Amino acid sequence: MVSSFRAFLNSPVGPKTTHFWGPVANCGLVSAALVDTKKPPEMISRNMTAVLCVYSALFMRFAWMVQPRNYLLLATHVSNESVQLYQLSRWAKAQGFLEDKKDGVASE
């Protein structure tokens, strides 16, 4: 147990590196977006949400291509991309761009 913890501490993606602390800091974006899902969709900024979607998509690729491969950063950006796309869909529904479907029938 101690040796595996020591190996993690000294690994190239361990807590002594930015490969660890970058994703931990990015968890704040995911947390903020999850808290925002409780707010009314009229408060969602289309531009900011779209920028965060592009940002996470770009950094998902970065996390995959960087050596050593940073799975923690990848998971953080996949999570952020998912939540931001959900927020964008809430905004689009509130603006009337998407139809709200229930039981396979579009509501009027």
Protein backbone atom coordinates (compact mmCIF):
# COMPACT_ATOMS: atom_id res chain seq x y z
CA MET A 1 0.00 0.00 0.00
CA VAL A 2 2.74 2.43 0.98
CA SER A 3 4.85 1.55 -2.06
CA SER A 4 1.92 2.11 -4.45
CA PHE A 5 1.20 5.47 -2.83
CA ARG A 6 4.88 6.41 -3.09
CA ALA A 7 4.84 5.37 -6.77
CA PHE A 8 1.79 7.59 -7.36
CA LEU A 9 3.45 10.51 -5.55
CA ASN A 10 6.53 10.28 -7.75
CA SER A 11 4.84 9.37 -11.03
CA PRO A 12 4.95 11.71 -14.06
CA VAL A 13 1.26 12.52 -13.51
CA GLY A 14 1.31 12.55 -9.72
CA PRO A 15 0.46 15.37 -7.31
CA LYS A 16 3.92 16.90 -7.65
CA THR A 17 3.16 17.89 -11.26
CA THR A 18 0.87 20.16 -13.22
CA HIS A 19 -0.48 17.00 -14.89
CA PHE A 20 -2.33 16.45 -11.63
CA TRP A 21 -3.16 19.95 -10.41
CA GLY A 22 -4.41 21.23 -13.80
CA PRO A 23 -7.28 18.70 -13.91
CA VAL A 24 -8.04 19.25 -10.23
CA ALA A 25 -8.41 22.98 -10.91
CA ASN A 26 -10.57 22.27 -13.97
CA CYS A 27 -12.99 20.33 -11.76
CA GLY A 28 -14.12 23.77 -10.62
CA LEU A 29 -15.56 24.41 -14.09
CA VAL A 30 -17.52 21.16 -13.94
CA SER A 31 -18.74 21.92 -10.41
CA ALA A 32 -19.87 25.41 -11.38
CA ALA A 33 -21.74 24.09 -14.43
CA LEU A 34 -23.45 21.43 -12.32
CA VAL A 35 -24.58 24.07 -9.83
CA ASP A 36 -25.84 26.20 -12.74
CA THR A 37 -28.15 23.41 -13.90
CA LYS A 38 -30.47 24.43 -11.04
CA LYS A 39 -30.72 28.01 -12.32
CA PRO A 40 -33.32 29.10 -14.86
CA PRO A 41 -32.22 28.66 -18.48
CA GLU A 42 -32.74 32.37 -19.15
CA MET A 43 -29.59 33.04 -17.11
CA ILE A 44 -27.38 30.87 -19.35
CA SER A 45 -24.91 32.78 -21.51
CA ARG A 46 -24.94 31.26 -25.00
CA ASN A 47 -21.55 32.71 -25.89
CA MET A 48 -19.78 31.62 -22.72
CA THR A 49 -21.26 28.13 -22.82
CA ALA A 50 -20.28 27.72 -26.47
CA VAL A 51 -16.73 28.90 -25.71
CA LEU A 52 -16.47 26.41 -22.85
CA CYS A 53 -17.63 23.64 -25.21
CA VAL A 54 -14.91 24.52 -27.72
CA TYR A 55 -12.33 24.87 -24.93
CA SER A 56 -13.10 21.44 -23.51
CA ALA A 57 -13.12 19.82 -26.95
CA LEU A 58 -9.69 21.26 -27.75
CA PHE A 59 -8.22 20.26 -24.41
CA MET A 60 -9.65 16.74 -24.65
CA ARG A 61 -7.42 16.30 -27.68
CA PHE A 62 -4.49 17.88 -25.85
CA ALA A 63 -4.96 15.54 -22.88
CA TRP A 64 -4.97 12.57 -25.25
CA MET A 65 -1.90 13.66 -27.24
CA VAL A 66 0.37 14.90 -24.42
CA GLN A 67 3.02 12.51 -23.14
CA PRO A 68 2.54 11.02 -20.64
CA ARG A 69 -1.13 10.70 -21.58
CA ASN A 70 -3.22 12.57 -19.02
CA TYR A 71 -6.36 10.55 -18.36
CA LEU A 72 -7.40 12.73 -15.42
CA LEU A 73 -7.39 15.85 -17.61
CA LEU A 74 -9.25 13.95 -20.33
CA ALA A 75 -11.94 12.83 -17.87
CA THR A 76 -12.30 16.37 -16.54
CA HIS A 77 -12.81 17.83 -20.01
CA VAL A 78 -15.19 15.05 -21.08
CA SER A 79 -17.25 15.85 -17.97
CA ASN A 80 -17.14 19.58 -18.67
CA GLU A 81 -18.07 19.06 -22.33
CA SER A 82 -21.08 16.97 -21.29
CA VAL A 83 -22.35 19.47 -18.76
CA GLN A 84 -21.78 22.45 -21.07
CA LEU A 85 -23.62 20.74 -23.94
CA TYR A 86 -26.50 20.06 -21.56
CA GLN A 87 -26.51 23.73 -20.56
CA LEU A 88 -26.45 24.77 -24.22
CA SER A 89 -29.42 22.49 -24.92
CA ARG A 90 -31.31 24.06 -21.98
CA TRP A 91 -30.59 27.51 -23.42
CA ALA A 92 -31.72 26.43 -26.91
CA LYS A 93 -34.97 24.97 -25.55
CA ALA A 94 -35.67 28.15 -23.60
CA GLN A 95 -35.07 30.23 -26.73
CA GLY A 96 -37.36 27.99 -28.80
CA PHE A 97 -34.63 26.52 -31.01
CA LEU A 98 -35.32 22.96 -29.84
CA GLU A 99 -38.69 21.35 -29.38
CA ASP A 100 -39.47 19.81 -26.03
CA LYS A 101 -40.51 16.21 -26.83
CA LYS A 102 -42.52 14.04 -24.46
CA ASP A 103 -43.63 10.47 -25.21
CA GLY A 104 -42.33 10.75 -28.77
CA VAL A 105 -44.72 13.59 -29.63
CA ALA A 106 -43.63 17.20 -30.02
CA SER A 107 -45.37 19.54 -27.61
CA GLU A 108 -47.09 22.62 -28.93
